[in-house]
Amino acid sequence: MRATLVPNAPRKCLPANAARRAILCAVLASAPAAALAQAPAFPAKSIRLIAPFAPGGALDLVARVVGQVLTEQLGQPVIVDNRAGAAGAIGSEQVARAAPDGYTLLLGATTTHGINPVLQKLSYDPLKDFTPVSLVATIPHVLVVNPSLPVNTLPDLIKYARAKPGMTYGSAGTGSPHHLAGEMLKLATGIDITHVPYKGSAPAMSDVIGGQVQFMSIELTAAVNQIKAGKLRAIAIATAKRVPGVDLPTVGEGGVAGFEVTAWYAVYAPAGTPRATVDTLSRAIARGLGSGEARDKLASLNAVTIGSTPEELTTHMRAELARWSKVIKTAGVKAD
């Protein structure tokens, strides 16, 4: 009798003998399950968190809190890797060009994702080349003056600057938040003040203390010890509302409405990182930042803890880009 061929019937294993037939069929049947079993869940190895500024600054300190949080939450070591240069652009580019697998992350900031894209010609696009993960924290700026100045409030500063045109203010460099804060104050009040750029906020603050420049806007974290020691006089905090535990009026209360400067820090992954991986990272950051230890560490830096969703970070970043773009274009700020 001739065999009948049935269209679309499943193929049968037809090795020469029954033993070989049984082994081959078993291998073929188990192949998909074996492949799935070999795909490790994220994370299966250590993660590198690039901090695009030098060790010791506020961003570096926040990065180390985030690294510890992720290590504890995910059960894999997170290594903070400082890659400073070009106002954060060097470290940012490394992450933008990294494999989109969640194992290379960036702790971005106001400068890297709110200012540089407007001021610099970058080799990457801050919106297209990164996947937002979580807005971690913010640190308010504070206006500080040399204590020898007859200035105790923001109205005093404005009055003094009008009486003495050319009053100097320091910054961490052209296009830094410290610089743009001075430009915002100039635009809002019409005072004639002169920008003096430095290679970092620490040397700028040192020269305010020494009297080489007269004032600056700086992160509260960096200045708080010098304020307590009487080496700097704080006159206003650059937030919309007063900060609990900080006995300072806001810049708005000093007569300059809408003036707000905060340093913000956020985790980014390379574009194309799987959404499941991004969600794992975002949830881990939110859980970890909700713990007392992480909150206490950030509070010691005068930081406001957040831990946002990726969508909330995207909204925040777009708003910051628009805000700083307006300041840069109106003030005519150009990169060095």
Protein backbone atom coordinates (compact mmCIF):
# COMPACT_ATOMS: atom_id res chain seq x y z
CA MET A 1 0.00 0.00 0.00
CA ARG A 2 1.35 3.45 -0.88
CA ALA A 3 1.69 6.08 1.86
CA THR A 4 -0.69 9.05 1.69
CA LEU A 5 0.91 12.54 2.02
CA VAL A 6 -1.11 14.94 4.18
CA PRO A 7 -0.52 18.66 3.39
CA ASN A 8 0.85 20.76 6.30
CA ALA A 9 1.19 17.73 8.53
CA PRO A 10 3.93 18.12 11.19
CA ARG A 11 7.23 16.54 10.28
CA LYS A 12 8.26 13.40 12.10
CA CYS A 13 11.78 12.53 13.24
CA LEU A 14 13.09 9.80 10.93
CA PRO A 15 16.58 8.74 12.03
CA ALA A 16 17.81 5.25 11.16
CA ASN A 17 16.88 3.61 14.44
CA ALA A 18 14.42 4.11 17.28
CA ALA A 19 17.02 5.16 19.89
CA ARG A 20 18.40 7.94 17.74
CA ARG A 21 14.86 9.01 16.83
CA ALA A 22 13.89 9.41 20.50
CA ILE A 23 16.99 11.46 21.37
CA LEU A 24 16.63 13.81 18.40
CA CYS A 25 12.95 14.50 19.06
CA ALA A 26 13.65 15.23 22.72
CA VAL A 27 16.37 17.75 21.79
CA LEU A 28 14.17 19.51 19.25
CA ALA A 29 11.25 19.74 21.69
CA SER A 30 13.35 21.21 24.50
CA ALA A 31 15.32 23.75 22.42
CA PRO A 32 12.99 26.77 22.88
CA ALA A 33 12.69 26.20 26.63
CA ALA A 34 16.48 25.87 26.94
CA ALA A 35 16.99 29.13 25.04
CA LEU A 36 14.59 30.93 27.38
CA ALA A 37 16.28 29.45 30.43
CA GLN A 38 19.66 30.75 29.23
CA ALA A 39 18.44 34.38 28.88
CA PRO A 40 19.38 35.98 32.24
CA ALA A 41 17.02 38.37 33.96
CA PHE A 42 18.22 41.97 34.26
CA PRO A 43 20.55 42.70 35.92
CA ALA A 44 22.84 39.69 35.63
CA LYS A 45 26.13 41.56 36.16
CA SER A 46 27.55 44.80 37.50
CA ILE A 47 26.29 48.19 36.26
CA ARG A 48 28.45 51.22 35.46
CA LEU A 49 27.03 54.62 36.47
CA ILE A 50 28.96 57.39 34.74
CA ALA A 51 29.27 60.66 36.66
CA PRO A 52 30.32 63.25 34.06
CA PHE A 53 32.02 65.58 36.54
CA ALA A 54 35.04 65.30 38.84
CA PRO A 55 34.91 63.49 42.21
CA GLY A 56 33.92 65.47 45.28
CA GLY A 57 31.25 67.73 43.78
CA ALA A 58 27.52 67.58 44.37
CA LEU A 59 26.86 65.43 41.28
CA ASP A 60 29.49 62.92 42.35
CA LEU A 61 28.02 62.72 45.84
CA VAL A 62 24.50 62.18 44.49
CA ALA A 63 25.84 59.55 42.08
CA ARG A 64 27.28 57.57 44.99
CA VAL A 65 23.92 57.61 46.80
CA VAL A 66 22.21 56.39 43.61
CA GLY A 67 24.87 53.72 43.13
CA GLN A 68 24.36 52.41 46.64
CA VAL A 69 20.57 52.44 46.23
CA LEU A 70 20.72 50.43 42.99
CA THR A 71 23.25 48.00 44.46
CA GLU A 72 20.96 47.27 47.39
CA GLN A 73 17.77 47.09 45.33
CA LEU A 74 19.06 45.05 42.39
CA GLY A 75 21.61 42.79 44.09
CA GLN A 76 24.40 43.65 41.66
CA PRO A 77 27.33 46.05 42.21
CA VAL A 78 26.95 49.52 40.71
CA ILE A 79 30.30 51.18 40.00
CA VAL A 80 30.43 54.99 39.85
CA ASP A 81 32.82 56.01 37.06
CA ASN A 82 33.85 59.70 36.93
CA ARG A 83 34.35 60.88 33.35
CA ALA A 84 34.78 64.64 33.61
CA GLY A 85 35.32 67.17 30.83
CA ALA A 86 33.58 69.60 28.49
CA ALA A 87 30.97 70.57 31.10
CA GLY A 88 29.78 66.98 31.34
CA ALA A 89 29.64 66.33 27.58
CA ILE A 90 32.44 63.74 27.54
CA GLY A 91 30.80 61.39 30.02
CA SER A 92 27.38 61.98 28.50
CA GLU A 93 28.61 61.02 25.03
CA GLN A 94 30.03 57.75 26.35
CA VAL A 95 26.61 56.74 27.61
CA ALA A 96 24.86 57.92 24.45
CA ARG A 97 27.13 55.58 22.44
CA ALA A 98 26.97 52.63 24.88
CA ALA A 99 25.05 49.41 24.30
CA PRO A 100 21.34 49.88 25.16
CA ASP A 101 21.22 47.06 27.68
CA GLY A 102 20.94 48.92 30.99
CA TYR A 103 24.50 48.16 32.10
CA THR A 104 25.85 51.65 31.34
CA LEU A 105 23.95 54.56 32.88
CA LEU A 106 24.47 58.31 33.24
CA LEU A 107 23.80 60.60 36.16
CA GLY A 108 22.84 63.64 34.11
CA ALA A 109 22.19 67.11 35.46
CA THR A 110 21.02 70.63 34.72
CA THR A 111 24.16 71.27 32.70
CA THR A 112 24.24 68.07 30.65
CA HIS A 113 20.56 67.90 29.68
CA GLY A 114 19.19 71.39 30.33
CA ILE A 115 21.94 73.78 29.20
CA ASN A 116 24.62 72.09 27.06
CA PRO A 117 22.16 71.14 24.28
CA VAL A 118 21.32 74.84 23.85
CA LEU A 119 24.81 76.26 24.31
CA GLN A 120 27.13 73.68 22.74
CA LYS A 121 27.34 71.84 19.44
CA LEU A 122 27.17 68.28 20.74
CA SER A 123 27.87 64.96 19.07
CA TYR A 124 24.69 63.56 20.59
CA ASP A 125 21.07 64.59 20.98
CA PRO A 126 19.90 64.81 24.62
CA LEU A 127 16.35 63.83 23.64
CA LYS A 128 16.98 61.22 20.94
CA ASP A 129 20.14 59.49 22.23
CA PHE A 130 19.05 58.83 25.81
CA THR A 131 16.23 57.00 27.53
CA PRO A 132 15.05 58.86 30.67
CA VAL A 133 14.93 56.66 33.78
CA SER A 134 14.33 58.80 36.88
CA LEU A 135 14.67 62.33 38.21
CA VAL A 136 16.57 61.64 41.44
CA ALA A 137 16.89 64.90 43.37
CA THR A 138 17.23 68.67 43.24
CA ILE A 139 19.50 71.04 45.17
CA PRO A 140 18.57 74.74 45.41
CA HIS A 141 20.94 77.56 44.55
CA VAL A 142 21.61 80.29 47.07
CA LEU A 143 22.87 83.83 46.48
CA VAL A 144 26.00 84.50 48.56
CA VAL A 145 28.14 87.62 48.98
CA ASN A 146 31.46 88.47 50.54
CA PRO A 147 30.69 89.42 54.18
CA SER A 148 32.58 92.71 53.85
CA LEU A 149 29.92 94.08 51.49
CA PRO A 150 27.19 96.26 53.03
CA VAL A 151 24.62 93.79 51.69
CA ASN A 152 22.25 91.69 53.83
CA THR A 153 19.29 91.18 51.51
CA LEU A 154 18.60 90.91 47.79
CA PRO A 155 17.20 94.47 47.66
CA ASP A 156 20.49 95.59 49.26
CA LEU A 157 22.43 93.78 46.54
CA ILE A 158 20.38 95.36 43.76
CA LYS A 159 20.75 98.82 45.30
CA TYR A 160 24.52 98.34 45.75
CA ALA A 161 24.94 97.11 42.16
CA ARG A 162 23.10 100.15 40.82
CA ALA A 163 25.31 102.48 42.86
CA LYS A 164 28.47 100.67 41.75
CA PRO A 165 28.10 99.43 38.15
CA GLY A 166 30.40 96.57 37.18
CA MET A 167 29.97 94.59 40.40
CA THR A 168 31.53 91.15 39.81
CA TYR A 169 30.02 87.69 40.20
CA GLY A 170 31.74 84.32 39.88
CA SER A 171 30.66 81.10 38.21
CA ALA A 172 31.80 77.58 37.40
CA GLY A 173 32.33 78.66 33.80
CA THR A 174 30.50 80.19 30.88
CA GLY A 175 27.11 78.58 30.45
CA SER A 176 27.06 77.00 33.90
CA PRO A 177 23.93 77.39 36.04
CA HIS A 178 25.95 79.78 38.24
CA HIS A 179 26.64 82.00 35.23
CA LEU A 180 23.10 81.86 33.87
CA ALA A 181 21.69 82.69 37.31
CA GLY A 182 23.68 85.94 37.18
CA GLU A 183 22.38 86.64 33.68
CA MET A 184 18.81 86.01 34.87
CA LEU A 185 19.31 88.48 37.70
CA LYS A 186 20.74 91.04 35.29
CA LEU A 187 17.83 90.62 32.87
CA ALA A 188 15.23 90.82 35.66
CA THR A 189 16.62 93.88 37.41
CA GLY A 190 18.63 95.79 34.79
CA ILE A 191 21.71 95.94 37.03
CA ASP A 192 25.18 96.18 35.45
CA ILE A 193 27.20 93.24 36.77
CA THR A 194 30.31 91.56 35.35
CA HIS A 195 30.72 87.81 34.95
CA VAL A 196 34.01 86.22 36.04
CA PRO A 197 34.21 82.54 34.95
CA TYR A 198 36.25 79.90 36.80
CA LYS A 199 37.07 76.26 36.18
CA GLY A 200 34.57 75.00 38.72
CA SER A 201 32.33 76.39 41.43
CA ALA A 202 34.83 75.72 44.23
CA PRO A 203 37.49 78.18 43.01
CA ALA A 204 34.76 80.74 42.24
CA MET A 205 33.42 80.41 45.78
CA SER A 206 36.95 80.72 47.18
CA ASP A 207 37.37 84.05 45.40
CA VAL A 208 34.03 85.30 46.74
CA ILE A 209 35.35 84.45 50.21
CA GLY A 210 38.64 86.17 49.41
CA GLY A 211 36.97 89.26 47.97
CA GLN A 212 38.33 88.91 44.43
CA VAL A 213 34.71 88.71 43.21
CA GLN A 214 31.76 90.00 45.15
CA PHE A 215 28.95 87.45 44.87
CA MET A 216 27.65 84.35 43.12
CA SER A 217 24.77 81.90 42.86
CA ILE A 218 25.84 78.45 44.03
CA GLU A 219 24.36 75.14 45.17
CA LEU A 220 23.46 75.27 48.85
CA THR A 221 25.35 71.98 49.34
CA ALA A 222 28.63 73.58 48.29
CA ALA A 223 28.24 76.76 50.32
CA VAL A 224 26.48 75.71 53.53
CA ASN A 225 29.62 75.11 55.62
CA GLN A 226 31.15 78.44 54.56
CA ILE A 227 27.89 80.20 55.36
CA LYS A 228 27.79 78.63 58.83
CA ALA A 229 31.43 79.63 59.39
CA GLY A 230 30.66 83.25 58.50
CA LYS A 231 32.96 83.23 55.46
CA LEU A 232 30.00 83.84 53.14
CA ARG A 233 26.76 85.71 53.71
CA ALA A 234 23.65 84.11 52.21
CA ILE A 235 21.01 86.64 51.19
CA ALA A 236 18.34 84.63 49.33
CA ILE A 237 17.47 81.14 48.16
CA ALA A 238 16.57 80.62 44.50
CA THR A 239 13.45 78.52 44.94
CA ALA A 240 9.78 79.23 44.38
CA LYS A 241 9.00 78.53 48.04
CA ARG A 242 11.07 78.71 51.21
CA VAL A 243 13.11 75.62 52.01
CA PRO A 244 12.29 73.96 55.36
CA GLY A 245 15.19 74.24 57.78
CA VAL A 246 16.86 77.06 55.80
CA ASP A 247 16.26 80.49 57.29
CA LEU A 248 16.39 82.46 54.06
CA PRO A 249 13.82 84.41 52.02
CA THR A 250 13.32 83.44 48.39
CA VAL A 251 14.57 85.58 45.53
CA GLY A 252 10.91 86.25 44.73
CA GLU A 253 10.39 87.65 48.20
CA GLY A 254 13.33 89.94 47.48
CA GLY A 255 11.43 91.46 44.58
CA VAL A 256 12.54 89.34 41.61
CA ALA A 257 9.52 87.27 40.57
CA GLY A 258 9.90 83.97 38.77
CA PHE A 259 13.58 83.55 39.64
CA GLU A 260 14.28 79.88 40.32
CA VAL A 261 17.59 78.03 39.97
CA THR A 262 17.98 74.48 41.19
CA ALA A 263 20.58 71.89 40.33
CA TRP A 264 18.81 68.68 39.31
CA TYR A 265 20.17 65.17 38.92
CA ALA A 266 18.66 62.37 36.85
CA VAL A 267 19.50 58.87 35.66
CA TYR A 268 19.56 58.16 31.93
CA ALA A 269 20.18 55.02 29.86
CA PRO A 270 21.18 54.87 26.17
CA ALA A 271 18.36 55.20 23.64
CA GLY A 272 16.82 51.87 22.73
CA THR A 273 17.13 50.35 26.19
CA PRO A 274 14.22 47.91 26.64
CA ARG A 275 11.27 49.38 28.51
CA ALA A 276 11.26 46.45 30.94
CA THR A 277 14.86 47.25 31.89
CA VAL A 278 14.09 50.96 32.26
CA ASP A 279 11.11 50.18 34.49
CA THR A 280 13.23 47.87 36.64
CA LEU A 281 15.77 50.65 37.16
CA SER A 282 13.16 53.37 37.73
CA ARG A 283 11.24 51.32 40.31
CA ALA A 284 14.47 50.36 42.09
CA ILE A 285 15.49 54.02 42.38
CA ALA A 286 12.06 55.05 43.68
CA ARG A 287 12.03 52.25 46.27
CA GLY A 288 15.58 52.94 47.38
CA LEU A 289 15.14 56.70 47.65
CA GLY A 290 12.09 56.07 49.80
CA SER A 291 14.25 54.47 52.47
CA GLY A 292 15.33 56.48 55.49
CA GLU A 293 19.06 56.00 54.89
CA ALA A 294 19.04 57.27 51.29
CA ARG A 295 16.80 60.20 52.19
CA ASP A 296 19.06 61.10 55.11
CA LYS A 297 22.15 61.04 52.89
CA LEU A 298 20.52 63.32 50.33
CA ALA A 299 19.13 65.57 53.06
CA SER A 300 22.69 65.97 54.35
CA LEU A 301 23.48 67.42 50.91
CA ASN A 302 20.50 69.80 51.23
CA ALA A 303 18.87 67.87 48.39
CA VAL A 304 15.15 67.33 47.83
CA THR A 305 14.59 63.63 47.09
CA ILE A 306 12.29 62.80 44.16
CA GLY A 307 12.51 59.42 42.38
CA SER A 308 10.25 60.05 39.35
CA THR A 309 8.88 57.98 36.49
CA PRO A 310 10.60 58.14 33.07
CA GLU A 311 7.69 60.20 31.74
CA GLU A 312 7.97 62.75 34.55
CA LEU A 313 11.68 63.12 33.85
CA THR A 314 10.99 63.70 30.15
CA THR A 315 8.50 66.47 30.98
CA HIS A 316 10.96 68.07 33.42
CA MET A 317 13.84 67.98 30.95
CA ARG A 318 11.82 69.54 28.13
CA ALA A 319 10.72 72.36 30.44
CA GLU A 320 14.32 72.99 31.52
CA LEU A 321 15.56 73.05 27.92
CA ALA A 322 12.92 75.64 27.03
CA ARG A 323 13.67 77.78 30.09
CA TRP A 324 17.44 77.85 29.72
CA SER A 325 17.19 78.34 25.96
CA LYS A 326 15.23 81.54 26.57
CA VAL A 327 17.81 82.85 29.07
CA ILE A 328 20.78 81.98 26.84
CA LYS A 329 19.27 83.58 23.73
CA THR A 330 17.97 86.68 25.50
CA ALA A 331 21.27 87.29 27.29
CA GLY A 332 23.32 86.47 24.19
CA VAL A 333 25.45 83.91 26.01
CA LYS A 334 28.00 82.16 23.78
CA ALA A 335 30.10 79.10 24.59
CA ASP A 336 33.82 79.68 25.12
